[in-house]
Full PDB file with SEQRES, HELIX, SHEET, SSBOND, CRYST1, ORIGX, SCALE, CONECT and MASTER records, all heavy atoms in Angstrom:
SEQRES   1 A   32  GLU ALA TYR LEU ALA MET ALA ARG ASP GLY ALA HIS ALA          
SEQRES   2 A   32  GLU MET VAL THR GLN HIS ASN GLY HIS HIS PRO GLU ILE          
SEQRES   3 A   32  ASP VAL LEU GLY GLU SER                                      
HELIX    1 AA1 ALA A    2  GLY A   10  1                                   9    
CRYST1    1.000    1.000    1.000  90.00  90.00  90.00 P 1           1          
ORIGX1      1.000000  0.000000  0.000000        0.00000                         
ORIGX2      0.000000  1.000000  0.000000        0.00000                         
ORIGX3      0.000000  0.000000  1.000000        0.00000                         
SCALE1      1.000000  0.000000  0.000000        0.00000                         
SCALE2      0.000000  1.000000  0.000000        0.00000                         
SCALE3      0.000000  0.000000  1.000000        0.00000                         
ATOM      1  N   GLU A   1     -10.445 -62.548  -4.458  1.00  0.00           N  
ATOM      2  CA  GLU A   1     -11.782 -63.013  -4.834  1.00  0.00           C  
ATOM      3  C   GLU A   1     -12.660 -63.350  -3.646  1.00  0.00           C  
ATOM      4  O   GLU A   1     -13.847 -63.061  -3.682  1.00  0.00           O  
ATOM      5  CB  GLU A   1     -11.674 -64.193  -5.808  1.00  0.00           C  
ATOM      6  CG  GLU A   1     -11.049 -63.853  -7.134  1.00  0.00           C  
ATOM      7  CD  GLU A   1     -11.702 -62.644  -7.807  1.00  0.00           C  
ATOM      8  OE1 GLU A   1     -12.931 -62.597  -7.878  1.00  0.00           O  
ATOM      9  OE2 GLU A   1     -10.969 -61.777  -8.305  1.00  0.00           O  
ATOM     10  N   ALA A   2     -12.064 -63.899  -2.600  1.00  0.00           N  
ATOM     11  CA  ALA A   2     -12.842 -64.206  -1.380  1.00  0.00           C  
ATOM     12  C   ALA A   2     -13.294 -62.922  -0.707  1.00  0.00           C  
ATOM     13  O   ALA A   2     -14.398 -62.803  -0.197  1.00  0.00           O  
ATOM     14  CB  ALA A   2     -11.984 -65.039  -0.395  1.00  0.00           C  
ATOM     15  N   TYR A   3     -12.396 -61.895  -0.711  1.00  0.00           N  
ATOM     16  CA  TYR A   3     -12.736 -60.621  -0.076  1.00  0.00           C  
ATOM     17  C   TYR A   3     -13.870 -59.975  -0.875  1.00  0.00           C  
ATOM     18  O   TYR A   3     -14.826 -59.452  -0.277  1.00  0.00           O  
ATOM     19  CB  TYR A   3     -11.497 -59.711  -0.089  1.00  0.00           C  
ATOM     20  CG  TYR A   3     -11.538 -58.682   0.985  1.00  0.00           C  
ATOM     21  CD1 TYR A   3     -10.514 -58.596   1.960  1.00  0.00           C  
ATOM     22  CD2 TYR A   3     -12.591 -57.728   1.097  1.00  0.00           C  
ATOM     23  CE1 TYR A   3     -10.523 -57.636   2.942  1.00  0.00           C  
ATOM     24  CE2 TYR A   3     -12.564 -56.792   2.103  1.00  0.00           C  
ATOM     25  CZ  TYR A   3     -11.566 -56.749   3.007  1.00  0.00           C  
ATOM     26  OH  TYR A   3     -11.561 -55.767   3.976  1.00  0.00           O  
ATOM     27  N   LEU A   4     -13.788 -59.967  -2.215  1.00  0.00           N  
ATOM     28  CA  LEU A   4     -14.854 -59.323  -2.997  1.00  0.00           C  
ATOM     29  C   LEU A   4     -16.166 -60.073  -2.862  1.00  0.00           C  
ATOM     30  O   LEU A   4     -17.272 -59.459  -2.875  1.00  0.00           O  
ATOM     31  CB  LEU A   4     -14.393 -59.242  -4.474  1.00  0.00           C  
ATOM     32  CG  LEU A   4     -13.248 -58.314  -4.723  1.00  0.00           C  
ATOM     33  CD1 LEU A   4     -12.756 -58.427  -6.170  1.00  0.00           C  
ATOM     34  CD2 LEU A   4     -13.562 -56.884  -4.368  1.00  0.00           C  
ATOM     35  N   ALA A   5     -16.097 -61.385  -2.734  1.00  0.00           N  
ATOM     36  CA  ALA A   5     -17.386 -62.149  -2.512  1.00  0.00           C  
ATOM     37  C   ALA A   5     -17.974 -61.742  -1.177  1.00  0.00           C  
ATOM     38  O   ALA A   5     -19.233 -61.630  -1.070  1.00  0.00           O  
ATOM     39  CB  ALA A   5     -17.100 -63.649  -2.539  1.00  0.00           C  
ATOM     40  N   MET A   6     -17.172 -61.594  -0.144  1.00  0.00           N  
ATOM     41  CA  MET A   6     -17.646 -61.194   1.161  1.00  0.00           C  
ATOM     42  C   MET A   6     -18.278 -59.781   1.068  1.00  0.00           C  
ATOM     43  O   MET A   6     -19.361 -59.522   1.610  1.00  0.00           O  
ATOM     44  CB  MET A   6     -16.552 -61.183   2.214  1.00  0.00           C  
ATOM     45  CG  MET A   6     -16.911 -60.728   3.619  1.00  0.00           C  
ATOM     46  SD  MET A   6     -16.904 -58.968   3.901  1.00  0.00           S  
ATOM     47  CE  MET A   6     -15.230 -58.530   3.655  1.00  0.00           C  
ATOM     48  N   ALA A   7     -17.652 -58.876   0.326  1.00  0.00           N  
ATOM     49  CA  ALA A   7     -18.164 -57.480   0.179  1.00  0.00           C  
ATOM     50  C   ALA A   7     -19.493 -57.526  -0.583  1.00  0.00           C  
ATOM     51  O   ALA A   7     -20.414 -56.824  -0.244  1.00  0.00           O  
ATOM     52  CB  ALA A   7     -17.147 -56.653  -0.552  1.00  0.00           C  
ATOM     53  N   ARG A   8     -19.570 -58.351  -1.610  1.00  0.00           N  
ATOM     54  CA  ARG A   8     -20.800 -58.460  -2.424  1.00  0.00           C  
ATOM     55  C   ARG A   8     -21.957 -58.935  -1.524  1.00  0.00           C  
ATOM     56  O   ARG A   8     -23.031 -58.388  -1.538  1.00  0.00           O  
ATOM     57  CB  ARG A   8     -20.588 -59.398  -3.589  1.00  0.00           C  
ATOM     58  CG  ARG A   8     -21.839 -59.426  -4.552  1.00  0.00           C  
ATOM     59  CD  ARG A   8     -21.804 -60.588  -5.447  1.00  0.00           C  
ATOM     60  NE  ARG A   8     -22.013 -61.827  -4.698  1.00  0.00           N  
ATOM     61  CZ  ARG A   8     -21.288 -62.900  -4.823  1.00  0.00           C  
ATOM     62  NH1 ARG A   8     -20.344 -62.983  -5.709  1.00  0.00           N  
ATOM     63  NH2 ARG A   8     -21.554 -63.991  -4.085  1.00  0.00           N  
ATOM     64  N   ASP A   9     -21.689 -59.977  -0.748  1.00  0.00           N  
ATOM     65  CA  ASP A   9     -22.739 -60.545   0.076  1.00  0.00           C  
ATOM     66  C   ASP A   9     -22.925 -59.778   1.392  1.00  0.00           C  
ATOM     67  O   ASP A   9     -24.004 -59.774   1.999  1.00  0.00           O  
ATOM     68  CB  ASP A   9     -22.414 -62.008   0.437  1.00  0.00           C  
ATOM     69  CG  ASP A   9     -22.387 -62.863  -0.836  1.00  0.00           C  
ATOM     70  OD1 ASP A   9     -22.989 -62.512  -1.868  1.00  0.00           O  
ATOM     71  OD2 ASP A   9     -21.699 -63.952  -0.804  1.00  0.00           O  
ATOM     72  N   GLY A  10     -21.907 -59.065   1.790  1.00  0.00           N  
ATOM     73  CA  GLY A  10     -21.972 -58.350   3.073  1.00  0.00           C  
ATOM     74  C   GLY A  10     -22.435 -56.850   2.948  1.00  0.00           C  
ATOM     75  O   GLY A  10     -22.593 -56.185   3.880  1.00  0.00           O  
ATOM     76  N   ALA A  11     -22.609 -56.358   1.691  1.00  0.00           N  
ATOM     77  CA  ALA A  11     -23.113 -55.032   1.450  1.00  0.00           C  
ATOM     78  C   ALA A  11     -24.115 -55.168   0.279  1.00  0.00           C  
ATOM     79  O   ALA A  11     -23.832 -54.669  -0.828  1.00  0.00           O  
ATOM     80  CB  ALA A  11     -22.012 -54.080   1.151  1.00  0.00           C  
ATOM     81  N   HIS A  12     -25.230 -55.862   0.519  1.00  0.00           N  
ATOM     82  CA  HIS A  12     -26.214 -56.139  -0.515  1.00  0.00           C  
ATOM     83  C   HIS A  12     -27.292 -55.151  -0.548  1.00  0.00           C  
ATOM     84  O   HIS A  12     -27.332 -54.159   0.231  1.00  0.00           O  
ATOM     85  CB  HIS A  12     -26.729 -57.615  -0.312  1.00  0.00           C  
ATOM     86  CG  HIS A  12     -27.265 -57.848   1.027  1.00  0.00           C  
ATOM     87  ND1 HIS A  12     -28.499 -57.358   1.383  1.00  0.00           N  
ATOM     88  CD2 HIS A  12     -26.798 -58.523   2.065  1.00  0.00           C  
ATOM     89  CE1 HIS A  12     -28.765 -57.747   2.622  1.00  0.00           C  
ATOM     90  NE2 HIS A  12     -27.722 -58.457   3.079  1.00  0.00           N  
ATOM     91  N   ALA A  13     -28.233 -55.388  -1.444  1.00  0.00           N  
ATOM     92  CA  ALA A  13     -29.329 -54.447  -1.748  1.00  0.00           C  
ATOM     93  C   ALA A  13     -30.297 -54.264  -0.639  1.00  0.00           C  
ATOM     94  O   ALA A  13     -31.070 -53.272  -0.588  1.00  0.00           O  
ATOM     95  CB  ALA A  13     -30.038 -54.810  -3.016  1.00  0.00           C  
ATOM     96  N   GLU A  14     -30.316 -55.219   0.334  1.00  0.00           N  
ATOM     97  CA  GLU A  14     -31.271 -55.097   1.469  1.00  0.00           C  
ATOM     98  C   GLU A  14     -30.540 -54.560   2.726  1.00  0.00           C  
ATOM     99  O   GLU A  14     -30.793 -54.995   3.878  1.00  0.00           O  
ATOM    100  CB  GLU A  14     -31.881 -56.423   1.765  1.00  0.00           C  
ATOM    101  CG  GLU A  14     -32.846 -56.889   0.682  1.00  0.00           C  
ATOM    102  CD  GLU A  14     -34.078 -55.947   0.630  1.00  0.00           C  
ATOM    103  OE1 GLU A  14     -34.551 -55.473   1.610  1.00  0.00           O  
ATOM    104  OE2 GLU A  14     -34.485 -55.668  -0.569  1.00  0.00           O  
ATOM    105  N   MET A  15     -29.633 -53.591   2.491  1.00  0.00           N  
ATOM    106  CA  MET A  15     -28.864 -53.033   3.557  1.00  0.00           C  
ATOM    107  C   MET A  15     -28.697 -51.500   3.350  1.00  0.00           C  
ATOM    108  O   MET A  15     -28.737 -51.022   2.197  1.00  0.00           O  
ATOM    109  CB  MET A  15     -27.493 -53.624   3.675  1.00  0.00           C  
ATOM    110  CG  MET A  15     -27.418 -55.094   4.041  1.00  0.00           C  
ATOM    111  SD  MET A  15     -25.768 -55.658   4.044  1.00  0.00           S  
ATOM    112  CE  MET A  15     -25.248 -55.172   5.694  1.00  0.00           C  
ATOM    113  N   VAL A  16     -28.401 -50.828   4.393  1.00  0.00           N  
ATOM    114  CA  VAL A  16     -27.897 -49.464   4.374  1.00  0.00           C  
ATOM    115  C   VAL A  16     -26.636 -49.536   5.235  1.00  0.00           C  
ATOM    116  O   VAL A  16     -26.679 -50.057   6.384  1.00  0.00           O  
ATOM    117  CB  VAL A  16     -28.875 -48.466   5.010  1.00  0.00           C  
ATOM    118  CG1 VAL A  16     -28.258 -47.130   5.148  1.00  0.00           C  
ATOM    119  CG2 VAL A  16     -30.144 -48.373   4.184  1.00  0.00           C  
ATOM    120  N   THR A  17     -25.527 -49.066   4.710  1.00  0.00           N  
ATOM    121  CA  THR A  17     -24.266 -49.135   5.469  1.00  0.00           C  
ATOM    122  C   THR A  17     -23.550 -47.749   5.468  1.00  0.00           C  
ATOM    123  O   THR A  17     -23.684 -47.008   4.481  1.00  0.00           O  
ATOM    124  CB  THR A  17     -23.258 -50.222   5.000  1.00  0.00           C  
ATOM    125  OG1 THR A  17     -22.868 -49.852   3.662  1.00  0.00           O  
ATOM    126  CG2 THR A  17     -23.921 -51.571   5.005  1.00  0.00           C  
ATOM    127  N   GLN A  18     -22.842 -47.517   6.487  1.00  0.00           N  
ATOM    128  CA  GLN A  18     -22.000 -46.321   6.582  1.00  0.00           C  
ATOM    129  C   GLN A  18     -20.763 -46.714   7.395  1.00  0.00           C  
ATOM    130  O   GLN A  18     -20.847 -47.079   8.553  1.00  0.00           O  
ATOM    131  CB  GLN A  18     -22.701 -45.171   7.287  1.00  0.00           C  
ATOM    132  CG  GLN A  18     -21.899 -43.924   7.459  1.00  0.00           C  
ATOM    133  CD  GLN A  18     -22.532 -42.868   8.285  1.00  0.00           C  
ATOM    134  OE1 GLN A  18     -23.525 -43.092   8.970  1.00  0.00           O  
ATOM    135  NE2 GLN A  18     -21.969 -41.701   8.254  1.00  0.00           N  
ATOM    136  N   HIS A  19     -19.633 -46.649   6.756  1.00  0.00           N  
ATOM    137  CA  HIS A  19     -18.344 -46.950   7.391  1.00  0.00           C  
ATOM    138  C   HIS A  19     -17.440 -45.742   7.321  1.00  0.00           C  
ATOM    139  O   HIS A  19     -17.184 -45.237   6.229  1.00  0.00           O  
ATOM    140  CB  HIS A  19     -17.640 -48.117   6.695  1.00  0.00           C  
ATOM    141  CG  HIS A  19     -18.360 -49.409   6.792  1.00  0.00           C  
ATOM    142  ND1 HIS A  19     -19.424 -49.788   6.002  1.00  0.00           N  
ATOM    143  CD2 HIS A  19     -18.200 -50.458   7.686  1.00  0.00           C  
ATOM    144  CE1 HIS A  19     -19.856 -50.987   6.358  1.00  0.00           C  
ATOM    145  NE2 HIS A  19     -19.109 -51.357   7.383  1.00  0.00           N  
ATOM    146  N   ASN A  20     -17.061 -45.241   8.485  1.00  0.00           N  
ATOM    147  CA  ASN A  20     -16.193 -44.057   8.533  1.00  0.00           C  
ATOM    148  C   ASN A  20     -14.865 -44.464   9.131  1.00  0.00           C  
ATOM    149  O   ASN A  20     -14.864 -44.973  10.298  1.00  0.00           O  
ATOM    150  CB  ASN A  20     -16.787 -42.954   9.411  1.00  0.00           C  
ATOM    151  CG  ASN A  20     -18.036 -42.398   8.809  1.00  0.00           C  
ATOM    152  OD1 ASN A  20     -18.084 -42.057   7.618  1.00  0.00           O  
ATOM    153  ND2 ASN A  20     -19.139 -42.326   9.600  1.00  0.00           N  
ATOM    154  N   GLY A  21     -13.827 -44.289   8.416  1.00  0.00           N  
ATOM    155  CA  GLY A  21     -12.427 -44.532   8.946  1.00  0.00           C  
ATOM    156  C   GLY A  21     -11.757 -43.218   9.144  1.00  0.00           C  
ATOM    157  O   GLY A  21     -11.745 -42.354   8.289  1.00  0.00           O  
ATOM    158  N   HIS A  22     -11.193 -43.059  10.390  1.00  0.00           N  
ATOM    159  CA  HIS A  22     -10.577 -41.780  10.626  1.00  0.00           C  
ATOM    160  C   HIS A  22      -9.433 -41.935  11.586  1.00  0.00           C  
ATOM    161  O   HIS A  22      -9.142 -43.069  12.075  1.00  0.00           O  
ATOM    162  CB  HIS A  22     -11.588 -40.762  11.204  1.00  0.00           C  
ATOM    163  CG  HIS A  22     -12.470 -41.323  12.299  1.00  0.00           C  
ATOM    164  ND1 HIS A  22     -12.173 -41.275  13.615  1.00  0.00           N  
ATOM    165  CD2 HIS A  22     -13.617 -41.981  12.181  1.00  0.00           C  
ATOM    166  CE1 HIS A  22     -13.163 -41.800  14.317  1.00  0.00           C  
ATOM    167  NE2 HIS A  22     -14.058 -42.287  13.539  1.00  0.00           N  
ATOM    168  N   HIS A  23      -8.756 -40.862  11.910  1.00  0.00           N  
ATOM    169  CA  HIS A  23      -7.585 -40.870  12.791  1.00  0.00           C  
ATOM    170  C   HIS A  23      -6.494 -41.823  12.370  1.00  0.00           C  
ATOM    171  O   HIS A  23      -6.016 -42.668  13.166  1.00  0.00           O  
ATOM    172  CB  HIS A  23      -7.955 -41.150  14.280  1.00  0.00           C  
ATOM    173  CG  HIS A  23      -8.873 -40.112  14.836  1.00  0.00           C  
ATOM    174  ND1 HIS A  23     -10.219 -40.300  14.837  1.00  0.00           N  
ATOM    175  CD2 HIS A  23      -8.638 -38.923  15.465  1.00  0.00           C  
ATOM    176  CE1 HIS A  23     -10.819 -39.246  15.417  1.00  0.00           C  
ATOM    177  NE2 HIS A  23      -9.862 -38.400  15.775  1.00  0.00           N  
ATOM    178  N   PRO A  24      -6.087 -41.792  11.082  1.00  0.00           N  
ATOM    179  CA  PRO A  24      -5.054 -42.720  10.600  1.00  0.00           C  
ATOM    180  C   PRO A  24      -3.678 -42.465  11.309  1.00  0.00           C  
ATOM    181  O   PRO A  24      -3.310 -41.376  11.430  1.00  0.00           O  
ATOM    182  CB  PRO A  24      -4.971 -42.431   9.118  1.00  0.00           C  
ATOM    183  CG  PRO A  24      -5.430 -41.063   8.943  1.00  0.00           C  
ATOM    184  CD  PRO A  24      -6.475 -40.811  10.038  1.00  0.00           C  
ATOM    185  N   GLU A  25      -3.104 -43.646  11.643  1.00  0.00           N  
ATOM    186  CA  GLU A  25      -1.709 -43.609  12.102  1.00  0.00           C  
ATOM    187  C   GLU A  25      -0.949 -44.437  11.142  1.00  0.00           C  
ATOM    188  O   GLU A  25      -0.998 -45.676  11.169  1.00  0.00           O  
ATOM    189  CB  GLU A  25      -1.678 -44.232  13.512  1.00  0.00           C  
ATOM    190  CG  GLU A  25      -2.484 -43.504  14.573  1.00  0.00           C  
ATOM    191  CD  GLU A  25      -2.563 -44.306  15.876  1.00  0.00           C  
ATOM    192  OE1 GLU A  25      -1.485 -44.751  16.344  1.00  0.00           O  
ATOM    193  OE2 GLU A  25      -3.653 -44.468  16.361  1.00  0.00           O  
ATOM    194  N   ILE A  26      -0.246 -43.823  10.189  1.00  0.00           N  
ATOM    195  CA  ILE A  26       0.431 -44.511   9.082  1.00  0.00           C  
ATOM    196  C   ILE A  26       1.956 -44.413   9.273  1.00  0.00           C  
ATOM    197  O   ILE A  26       2.458 -43.320   9.505  1.00  0.00           O  
ATOM    198  CB  ILE A  26      -0.020 -43.944   7.722  1.00  0.00           C  
ATOM    199  CG1 ILE A  26      -1.540 -44.141   7.565  1.00  0.00           C  
ATOM    200  CG2 ILE A  26       0.801 -44.513   6.591  1.00  0.00           C  
ATOM    201  CD1 ILE A  26      -2.130 -43.383   6.402  1.00  0.00           C  
ATOM    202  N   ASP A  27       2.530 -45.531   9.181  1.00  0.00           N  
ATOM    203  CA  ASP A  27       4.001 -45.620   9.259  1.00  0.00           C  
ATOM    204  C   ASP A  27       4.583 -46.172   7.938  1.00  0.00           C  
ATOM    205  O   ASP A  27       4.214 -47.318   7.573  1.00  0.00           O  
ATOM    206  CB  ASP A  27       4.474 -46.518  10.400  1.00  0.00           C  
ATOM    207  CG  ASP A  27       4.186 -45.891  11.740  1.00  0.00           C  
ATOM    208  OD1 ASP A  27       4.472 -44.722  11.962  1.00  0.00           O  
ATOM    209  OD2 ASP A  27       3.557 -46.581  12.581  1.00  0.00           O  
ATOM    210  N   VAL A  28       5.348 -45.402   7.224  1.00  0.00           N  
ATOM    211  CA  VAL A  28       6.023 -45.876   6.019  1.00  0.00           C  
ATOM    212  C   VAL A  28       7.277 -46.519   6.417  1.00  0.00           C  
ATOM    213  O   VAL A  28       8.126 -45.897   7.065  1.00  0.00           O  
ATOM    214  CB  VAL A  28       6.286 -44.661   5.048  1.00  0.00           C  
ATOM    215  CG1 VAL A  28       7.020 -45.152   3.789  1.00  0.00           C  
ATOM    216  CG2 VAL A  28       4.942 -43.984   4.641  1.00  0.00           C  
ATOM    217  N   LEU A  29       7.361 -47.827   6.150  1.00  0.00           N  
ATOM    218  CA  LEU A  29       8.533 -48.627   6.661  1.00  0.00           C  
ATOM    219  C   LEU A  29       9.641 -48.719   5.619  1.00  0.00           C  
ATOM    220  O   LEU A  29      10.715 -49.108   5.976  1.00  0.00           O  
ATOM    221  CB  LEU A  29       8.019 -50.032   7.043  1.00  0.00           C  
ATOM    222  CG  LEU A  29       6.863 -50.127   7.982  1.00  0.00           C  
ATOM    223  CD1 LEU A  29       6.405 -51.543   8.202  1.00  0.00           C  
ATOM    224  CD2 LEU A  29       7.267 -49.442   9.332  1.00  0.00           C  
ATOM    225  N   GLY A  30       9.341 -48.398   4.402  1.00  0.00           N  
ATOM    226  CA  GLY A  30      10.304 -48.463   3.334  1.00  0.00           C  
ATOM    227  C   GLY A  30       9.689 -47.936   2.085  1.00  0.00           C  
ATOM    228  O   GLY A  30       8.531 -47.415   2.068  1.00  0.00           O  
ATOM    229  N   GLU A  31      10.347 -48.039   0.957  1.00  0.00           N  
ATOM    230  CA  GLU A  31       9.851 -47.515  -0.291  1.00  0.00           C  
ATOM    231  C   GLU A  31       8.575 -48.254  -0.762  1.00  0.00           C  
ATOM    232  O   GLU A  31       7.775 -47.615  -1.492  1.00  0.00           O  
ATOM    233  CB  GLU A  31      10.885 -47.674  -1.418  1.00  0.00           C  
ATOM    234  CG  GLU A  31      12.002 -46.693  -1.226  1.00  0.00           C  
ATOM    235  CD  GLU A  31      13.021 -46.789  -2.392  1.00  0.00           C  
ATOM    236  OE1 GLU A  31      12.588 -47.331  -3.485  1.00  0.00           O  
ATOM    237  OE2 GLU A  31      14.150 -46.341  -2.211  1.00  0.00           O  
ATOM    238  N   SER A  32       8.348 -49.449  -0.308  1.00  0.00           N  
ATOM    239  CA  SER A  32       7.131 -50.157  -0.807  1.00  0.00           C  
ATOM    240  C   SER A  32       6.449 -50.943   0.287  1.00  0.00           C  
ATOM    241  O   SER A  32       5.669 -51.872   0.049  1.00  0.00           O  
ATOM    242  CB  SER A  32       7.580 -51.176  -1.908  1.00  0.00           C  
ATOM    243  OG  SER A  32       8.489 -52.125  -1.366  1.00  0.00           O  
TER     244      SER A  32                                                      
MASTER        0    0    0    1    0    0    0    6  243    1    0    3          
END                                                                             
């Protein structure tokens, strides 16, 4: 809920945002 409140207030109607995530380095440590 705290994260979603931050996202709501941090990406509001008076903004333009672009977030690009790339070059993932993912390690699967176990089944979950």
